Structure formats: C-alpha cells, structure tokens
Amino acid sequence: MEHLSSQARIQAFIYEQFPLSRNLQVSVTDNLFSAGVVDSLGILDLVTFLENEFQIVVSDDELTPENFETIQGMAQFLENKKNIGES
C-alpha cells in the first residue's frame, strides 16, 4: 500500500475493516460517525492503524472529531503531523 496516497491508504483500510463503509460507498468527505461506520471501538482501530502505518503517535488531545470524522480529515491530520515533524 506504500505507493498510494495517505488518503487512499486510509480509505482502503476503512473499506477493509468496516464493511458498512463499502455498503454505503462512503466518500472521503462523509462523516464516518454519523453514518454509523465508526464507533468508539472503531476509533481505536483507526488510531492503531494510523500509528502503525504512518509511524506517528496520536496524543489524547488530538482525538478530536475534526481529525477523525472523515477520511479527508484524517489525511489532513497526518499532513499536519508530518509538517510539524519537519519543522
């Protein structure tokens, strides 16, 4: 999956891990919580995936809806973490 963009890698994981996302054909801007795709346990799976796949650490204060409610938001969160790490 290394050659895919971070957004595509996140979407592929969500489609694989959360079958409802495939059924609903969620887009990168769909709210995963309100669509019922991800719940409180699912967020743990997402955080673990992001930490392992992108070699980051997600702190408790970063666990906000803005960072995790959409695939696009997660990709932006990763980009922001990468930019902070490079400065």
Protein backbone atom coordinates (compact mmCIF):
# COMPACT_ATOMS: atom_id res chain seq x y z
CA MET A 1 0.00 0.00 0.00
CA GLU A 2 3.07 2.23 0.20
CA HIS A 3 2.59 3.73 -3.28
CA LEU A 4 -0.92 5.02 -2.50
CA SER A 5 -1.60 8.47 -1.07
CA SER A 6 -2.30 8.61 2.65
CA GLN A 7 -5.95 9.36 1.90
CA ALA A 8 -6.23 6.30 -0.36
CA ARG A 9 -4.48 4.11 2.22
CA ILE A 10 -6.88 5.27 4.95
CA GLN A 11 -9.89 4.68 2.69
CA ALA A 12 -8.65 1.20 1.77
CA PHE A 13 -8.23 0.34 5.46
CA ILE A 14 -11.70 1.63 6.32
CA TYR A 15 -13.29 -0.30 3.45
CA GLU A 16 -11.50 -3.45 4.61
CA GLN A 17 -12.07 -3.04 8.36
CA PHE A 18 -15.60 -1.59 8.38
CA PRO A 19 -17.94 -3.44 5.97
CA LEU A 20 -20.67 -0.81 6.30
CA SER A 21 -18.33 1.69 4.63
CA ARG A 22 -18.32 -0.49 1.49
CA ASN A 23 -22.10 -0.90 1.57
CA LEU A 24 -22.57 2.86 1.88
CA GLN A 25 -19.72 3.62 -0.54
CA VAL A 26 -18.51 6.35 1.83
CA SER A 27 -16.58 9.16 0.22
CA VAL A 28 -13.57 10.91 1.70
CA THR A 29 -15.81 13.72 2.97
CA ASP A 30 -18.59 11.60 4.53
CA ASN A 31 -18.85 11.73 8.32
CA LEU A 32 -17.92 8.24 9.48
CA PHE A 33 -19.50 8.70 12.91
CA SER A 34 -22.90 9.99 11.82
CA ALA A 35 -23.04 7.37 9.04
CA GLY A 36 -22.59 4.69 11.71
CA VAL A 37 -19.42 3.35 10.10
CA VAL A 38 -17.13 4.03 13.07
CA ASP A 39 -17.99 3.89 16.77
CA SER A 40 -15.90 4.34 19.90
CA LEU A 41 -14.22 0.96 19.46
CA GLY A 42 -13.66 1.62 15.78
CA ILE A 43 -11.75 4.80 16.55
CA LEU A 44 -9.25 2.67 18.46
CA ASP A 45 -8.74 0.55 15.34
CA LEU A 46 -8.26 3.71 13.27
CA VAL A 47 -5.73 5.20 15.68
CA THR A 48 -3.78 1.94 15.83
CA PHE A 49 -3.75 1.76 12.02
CA LEU A 50 -2.58 5.36 11.63
CA GLU A 51 0.15 4.96 14.24
CA ASN A 52 1.45 1.73 12.69
CA GLU A 53 1.01 2.62 9.03
CA PHE A 54 2.39 6.15 9.19
CA GLN A 55 4.79 5.84 12.16
CA ILE A 56 3.13 8.57 14.21
CA VAL A 57 1.89 8.88 17.77
CA VAL A 58 -1.62 10.20 18.32
CA SER A 59 -1.92 12.00 21.64
CA ASP A 60 -5.15 12.15 23.63
CA ASP A 61 -5.65 15.83 22.82
CA GLU A 62 -5.51 15.01 19.10
CA LEU A 63 -8.51 12.66 19.36
CA THR A 64 -10.98 15.24 18.11
CA PRO A 65 -13.88 14.87 15.68
CA GLU A 66 -12.14 17.23 13.25
CA ASN A 67 -9.20 14.84 12.98
CA PHE A 68 -11.15 11.59 12.70
CA GLU A 69 -14.70 12.07 11.44
CA THR A 70 -13.79 11.93 7.73
CA ILE A 71 -11.14 10.22 5.65
CA GLN A 72 -10.15 13.62 4.32
CA GLY A 73 -9.80 14.93 7.88
CA MET A 74 -7.51 12.05 8.83
CA ALA A 75 -5.34 12.65 5.78
CA GLN A 76 -5.10 16.34 6.68
CA PHE A 77 -4.26 15.44 10.27
CA LEU A 78 -1.41 13.23 9.00
CA GLU A 79 -0.16 16.00 6.73
CA ASN A 80 -0.19 18.46 9.64
CA LYS A 81 1.73 15.99 11.84
CA LYS A 82 4.27 15.48 9.07
CA ASN A 83 4.72 19.23 8.63
CA ILE A 84 5.17 19.75 12.37
CA GLY A 85 7.73 16.95 12.45
CA GLU A 86 9.75 18.53 9.65
CA SER A 87 10.00 21.97 11.23
